[in-house]
């Protein structure tokens, strides 16, 4: 069973572009500025890791890109009308089987029963859960539930009558709650899925080694309010150990500067 995902081949615009994006929560003396003038572009098919200390605004930025909240200032431009999101918790519908969970966004998008069943089966094969479609979430391990969540997110990028629109996958520390072995396996699986689909990925993490392993580009945010303070390109062609040490040093500097402020 195979499935076709939207690919970047004919796309020339950015998958997502943030232009001087700001986000402020609250008003007056109680206002908290989470993001301050963030400029960021994710190219079609690019895997970008957004790195920073806890509370720096990474998840806030992802929520803005997903359309779950609106920026206080600045502009966000997407080449896809509905990015797909994978959170730290799989958040599957417990009364639905794995296959029906994956079918849900296809149903909402207007696909007929036969087509959405075929696409869901193909996506479960893609994440190596081809034999688990009839199982409900409580029958699956944590790692398997995250695979189903990934398949469901990929399903959400499908559009009726079109397989050529740029797709964007937003991932908010999706492996943080898993044990080290499962996390390592799923990181490898995510890379395999990304390479086979051409999906653009914006991946939020506070784990330097995870960012270096997964990202083509790593973007470092300052402590609150979050700003882009540095980025590293061609990450996957670099010496991973040396680069991780360099990024860790910069992250520690960001944290210590914030603590001293």
Protein backbone atom coordinates (compact mmCIF):
# COMPACT_ATOMS: atom_id res chain seq x y z
CA UNK A 1 0.00 0.00 0.00
CA UNK A 2 1.36 3.40 -0.94
CA UNK A 3 0.22 6.93 -0.37
CA UNK A 4 1.00 10.22 -2.06
CA UNK A 5 1.67 13.36 -0.07
CA UNK A 6 1.86 16.92 -1.35
CA UNK A 7 5.42 17.54 -2.50
CA UNK A 8 7.59 20.65 -2.97
CA UNK A 9 8.59 20.02 -6.57
CA UNK A 10 6.55 22.78 -8.21
CA UNK A 11 6.58 25.21 -5.27
CA UNK A 12 8.79 28.27 -5.32
CA UNK A 13 7.42 30.23 -2.36
CA UNK A 14 8.41 29.61 1.25
CA UNK A 15 6.46 27.01 3.18
CA UNK A 16 6.18 29.59 5.96
CA UNK A 17 7.61 33.08 6.42
CA UNK A 18 7.52 35.13 9.63
CA UNK A 19 8.16 38.85 9.26
CA UNK A 20 8.91 40.81 12.49
CA UNK A 21 6.41 38.75 14.46
CA UNK A 22 5.61 39.85 18.00
CA UNK A 23 3.36 38.33 20.61
CA UNK A 24 2.24 40.00 23.83
CA UNK A 25 -0.01 38.36 26.40
CA UNK A 26 -2.08 40.59 28.64
CA UNK A 27 -2.27 44.38 28.78
CA UNK A 28 -0.84 47.25 30.76
CA UNK A 29 1.36 46.42 33.72
CA UNK A 30 0.48 42.73 33.45
CA UNK A 31 1.60 42.43 29.83
CA UNK A 32 4.18 39.76 29.03
CA UNK A 33 6.05 39.90 25.74
CA UNK A 34 6.72 36.35 24.54
CA UNK A 35 8.14 37.13 21.07
CA UNK A 36 9.85 40.27 19.81
CA UNK A 37 10.46 40.78 16.10
CA UNK A 38 10.98 37.19 14.94
CA UNK A 39 12.05 36.79 11.30
CA UNK A 40 12.09 33.20 10.08
CA UNK A 41 11.62 31.40 6.77
CA UNK A 42 11.18 27.67 6.19
CA UNK A 43 11.81 26.67 2.59
CA UNK A 44 9.73 24.03 0.79
CA UNK A 45 10.85 20.60 1.95
CA UNK A 46 13.21 22.01 4.60
CA UNK A 47 13.57 20.58 8.12
CA UNK A 48 14.16 23.41 10.62
CA UNK A 49 14.65 22.88 14.35
CA UNK A 50 13.70 25.74 16.65
CA UNK A 51 15.83 25.56 19.77
CA UNK A 52 15.76 27.51 23.02
CA UNK A 53 15.43 27.36 26.77
CA UNK A 54 12.10 26.67 28.44
CA UNK A 55 9.82 29.71 28.31
CA UNK A 56 11.56 31.40 25.38
CA UNK A 57 8.45 31.38 23.18
CA UNK A 58 9.07 28.31 20.99
CA UNK A 59 5.63 26.81 21.50
CA UNK A 60 4.02 30.26 21.23
CA UNK A 61 5.65 30.71 17.84
CA UNK A 62 4.44 27.29 16.69
CA UNK A 63 0.89 28.10 17.84
CA UNK A 64 0.98 31.29 15.80
CA UNK A 65 2.12 29.45 12.67
CA UNK A 66 -0.59 26.83 13.25
CA UNK A 67 -3.24 29.55 13.45
CA UNK A 68 -4.14 28.63 17.03
CA UNK A 69 -3.38 32.22 18.07
CA UNK A 70 -2.72 35.52 16.34
CA UNK A 71 0.45 37.65 16.46
CA UNK A 72 0.28 41.01 18.20
CA UNK A 73 2.33 42.51 15.37
CA UNK A 74 4.10 41.35 12.24
CA UNK A 75 2.97 38.96 9.55
CA UNK A 76 2.97 35.19 8.99
CA UNK A 77 2.68 33.94 5.40
CA UNK A 78 1.96 30.30 4.60
CA UNK A 79 1.86 28.41 1.31
CA UNK A 80 -0.53 25.90 2.85
CA UNK A 81 -3.90 26.84 4.28
CA UNK A 82 -3.84 24.35 7.13
CA UNK A 83 -0.53 23.23 8.69
CA UNK A 84 -0.58 19.89 10.49
CA UNK A 85 0.50 19.78 14.14
CA UNK A 86 2.00 17.03 16.31
CA UNK A 87 2.10 17.84 20.03
CA UNK A 88 4.01 16.23 22.90
CA UNK A 89 0.90 14.18 23.71
CA UNK A 90 -0.55 12.14 20.87
CA UNK A 91 -4.10 13.35 21.72
CA UNK A 92 -5.79 10.53 19.82
CA UNK A 93 -9.53 9.97 20.05
CA UNK A 94 -9.67 7.05 22.53
CA UNK A 95 -12.91 5.61 21.15
CA UNK A 96 -11.54 5.41 17.59
CA UNK A 97 -9.16 2.82 16.17
CA UNK A 98 -5.75 3.90 14.89
CA UNK A 99 -7.06 3.79 11.32
CA UNK A 100 -10.14 5.85 12.16
CA UNK A 101 -7.97 8.43 13.96
CA UNK A 102 -5.94 8.83 10.79
CA UNK A 103 -9.10 8.96 8.68
CA UNK A 104 -10.61 11.77 10.76
CA UNK A 105 -8.87 14.75 9.05
CA UNK A 106 -9.51 13.12 5.67
CA UNK A 107 -13.20 12.91 6.50
CA UNK A 108 -13.23 16.56 7.57
CA UNK A 109 -11.49 17.45 4.29
CA UNK A 110 -14.30 15.83 2.32
CA UNK A 111 -12.77 12.55 1.12
CA UNK A 112 -15.16 9.69 0.48
CA UNK A 113 -15.10 6.56 2.64
CA UNK A 114 -13.17 4.31 0.25
CA UNK A 115 -10.53 6.93 -0.56
CA UNK A 116 -9.91 7.93 3.03
CA UNK A 117 -9.60 4.28 4.10
CA UNK A 118 -7.03 3.69 1.37
CA UNK A 119 -5.07 6.82 2.27
CA UNK A 120 -5.18 6.05 6.00
CA UNK A 121 -3.92 2.52 5.39
CA UNK A 122 -1.07 3.89 3.29
CA UNK A 123 -0.09 6.41 5.95
CA UNK A 124 -0.08 3.75 8.67
CA UNK A 125 2.20 1.69 6.42
CA UNK A 126 4.41 4.75 6.02
CA UNK A 127 4.91 4.99 9.80
CA UNK A 128 5.30 1.20 10.04
CA UNK A 129 2.00 0.51 11.75
CA UNK A 130 0.34 -1.34 8.89
CA UNK A 131 -0.87 -4.12 11.17
CA UNK A 132 -2.19 -1.88 13.93
CA UNK A 133 -5.05 -0.08 12.21
CA UNK A 134 -7.75 -1.94 14.16
CA UNK A 135 -6.22 -1.22 17.58
CA UNK A 136 -7.44 1.56 19.86
CA UNK A 137 -5.01 3.98 21.55
CA UNK A 138 -5.02 2.18 24.92
CA UNK A 139 -3.77 -0.94 23.13
CA UNK A 140 -0.73 0.88 21.73
CA UNK A 141 2.56 1.87 23.36
CA UNK A 142 3.49 5.54 23.74
CA UNK A 143 5.78 5.35 20.73
CA UNK A 144 3.09 3.71 18.61
CA UNK A 145 0.57 6.37 19.60
CA UNK A 146 3.00 9.06 18.44
CA UNK A 147 3.38 7.23 15.12
CA UNK A 148 -0.40 7.30 14.72
CA UNK A 149 -0.37 11.02 15.58
CA UNK A 150 2.28 11.57 12.89
CA UNK A 151 0.21 9.63 10.33
CA UNK A 152 -2.86 11.68 11.29
CA UNK A 153 -0.91 14.92 10.90
CA UNK A 154 0.28 13.85 7.46
CA UNK A 155 -3.31 12.98 6.57
CA UNK A 156 -4.30 16.54 7.47
CA UNK A 157 -2.07 17.84 4.66
CA UNK A 158 -4.20 16.12 1.99
CA UNK A 159 -6.67 18.10 -0.09
CA UNK A 160 -9.49 16.74 -2.22
CA UNK A 161 -8.50 16.78 -5.90
CA UNK A 162 -4.94 17.97 -5.24
CA UNK A 163 -1.71 16.20 -4.39
CA UNK A 164 0.72 18.96 -5.31
CA UNK A 165 0.26 21.61 -2.63
CA UNK A 166 3.16 22.29 -0.30
CA UNK A 167 2.64 20.61 3.08
CA UNK A 168 3.89 21.89 6.42
CA UNK A 169 4.31 19.81 9.56
CA UNK A 170 4.62 21.55 12.93
CA UNK A 171 6.04 19.45 15.78
CA UNK A 172 6.11 20.66 19.39
CA UNK A 173 8.58 18.47 21.33
CA UNK A 174 6.74 15.34 20.13
CA UNK A 175 9.22 12.87 21.66
CA UNK A 176 9.93 14.61 24.98
CA UNK A 177 7.69 12.31 27.05
CA UNK A 178 9.15 9.08 25.64
CA UNK A 179 11.96 6.95 27.02
CA UNK A 180 15.42 7.36 25.47
CA UNK A 181 15.30 4.21 23.33
CA UNK A 182 11.84 4.92 21.92
CA UNK A 183 12.80 8.55 21.30
CA UNK A 184 15.90 7.46 19.37
CA UNK A 185 13.85 5.07 17.22
CA UNK A 186 11.17 7.65 16.46
CA UNK A 187 13.73 10.30 15.55
CA UNK A 188 15.08 7.90 12.94
CA UNK A 189 11.56 7.12 11.73
CA UNK A 190 10.73 10.80 11.43
CA UNK A 191 13.79 11.36 9.26
CA UNK A 192 12.78 8.47 7.02
CA UNK A 193 9.22 9.80 6.65
CA UNK A 194 10.47 13.34 5.99
CA UNK A 195 12.86 12.20 3.27
CA UNK A 196 10.17 10.10 1.59
CA UNK A 197 7.47 12.79 1.59
CA UNK A 198 9.24 16.12 1.00
CA UNK A 199 7.16 17.71 3.77
CA UNK A 200 8.43 20.97 5.29
CA UNK A 201 9.00 20.56 9.03
CA UNK A 202 9.27 23.13 11.82
CA UNK A 203 10.32 21.17 14.90
CA UNK A 204 10.42 22.70 18.38
CA UNK A 205 12.84 21.25 20.94
CA UNK A 206 15.02 22.21 23.89
CA UNK A 207 17.32 19.22 23.25
CA UNK A 208 20.49 20.28 21.41
CA UNK A 209 21.41 16.75 20.29
CA UNK A 210 17.92 16.14 18.96
CA UNK A 211 18.10 19.39 16.98
CA UNK A 212 21.49 18.48 15.51
CA UNK A 213 20.36 14.99 14.58
CA UNK A 214 17.13 16.04 12.89
CA UNK A 215 17.49 19.53 11.46
CA UNK A 216 18.98 20.74 8.22
CA UNK A 217 19.01 24.10 9.96
CA UNK A 218 18.95 24.92 13.67
CA UNK A 219 17.56 28.28 14.81
CA UNK A 220 18.30 29.50 18.34
CA UNK A 221 15.86 31.78 20.17
CA UNK A 222 16.87 34.07 22.99
CA UNK A 223 15.23 33.84 26.38
CA UNK A 224 11.97 35.77 26.72
CA UNK A 225 11.13 37.76 24.79
CA UNK A 226 12.13 35.33 22.04
CA UNK A 227 14.25 36.63 19.19
CA UNK A 228 16.33 34.75 16.64
CA UNK A 229 19.90 35.17 17.91
CA UNK A 230 21.75 32.66 15.74
CA UNK A 231 21.24 29.87 13.22
CA UNK A 232 23.31 27.04 11.83
CA UNK A 233 22.90 25.80 8.25
CA UNK A 234 23.93 22.55 6.55
CA UNK A 235 23.71 20.88 9.94
CA UNK A 236 23.53 17.33 8.63
CA UNK A 237 26.84 17.71 6.78
CA UNK A 238 28.62 19.01 9.90
CA UNK A 239 30.49 17.16 12.65
CA UNK A 240 27.57 16.40 14.96
CA UNK A 241 29.54 16.24 18.20
CA UNK A 242 31.45 19.45 17.58
CA UNK A 243 28.34 21.29 16.44
CA UNK A 244 26.35 20.12 19.49
CA UNK A 245 29.06 21.49 21.76
CA UNK A 246 29.04 24.83 19.92
CA UNK A 247 25.27 25.17 20.06
CA UNK A 248 25.20 24.13 23.72
CA UNK A 249 27.72 26.86 24.55
CA UNK A 250 25.56 29.46 22.81
CA UNK A 251 22.43 28.19 24.55
CA UNK A 252 24.13 28.41 27.94
CA UNK A 253 25.19 31.97 27.16
CA UNK A 254 21.60 32.88 26.27
CA UNK A 255 20.33 31.36 29.52
CA UNK A 256 23.01 32.98 31.69
CA UNK A 257 22.48 36.38 30.10
CA UNK A 258 18.76 36.14 30.84
CA UNK A 259 19.42 35.04 34.44
CA UNK A 260 21.73 38.00 35.00
CA UNK A 261 19.27 40.51 33.58
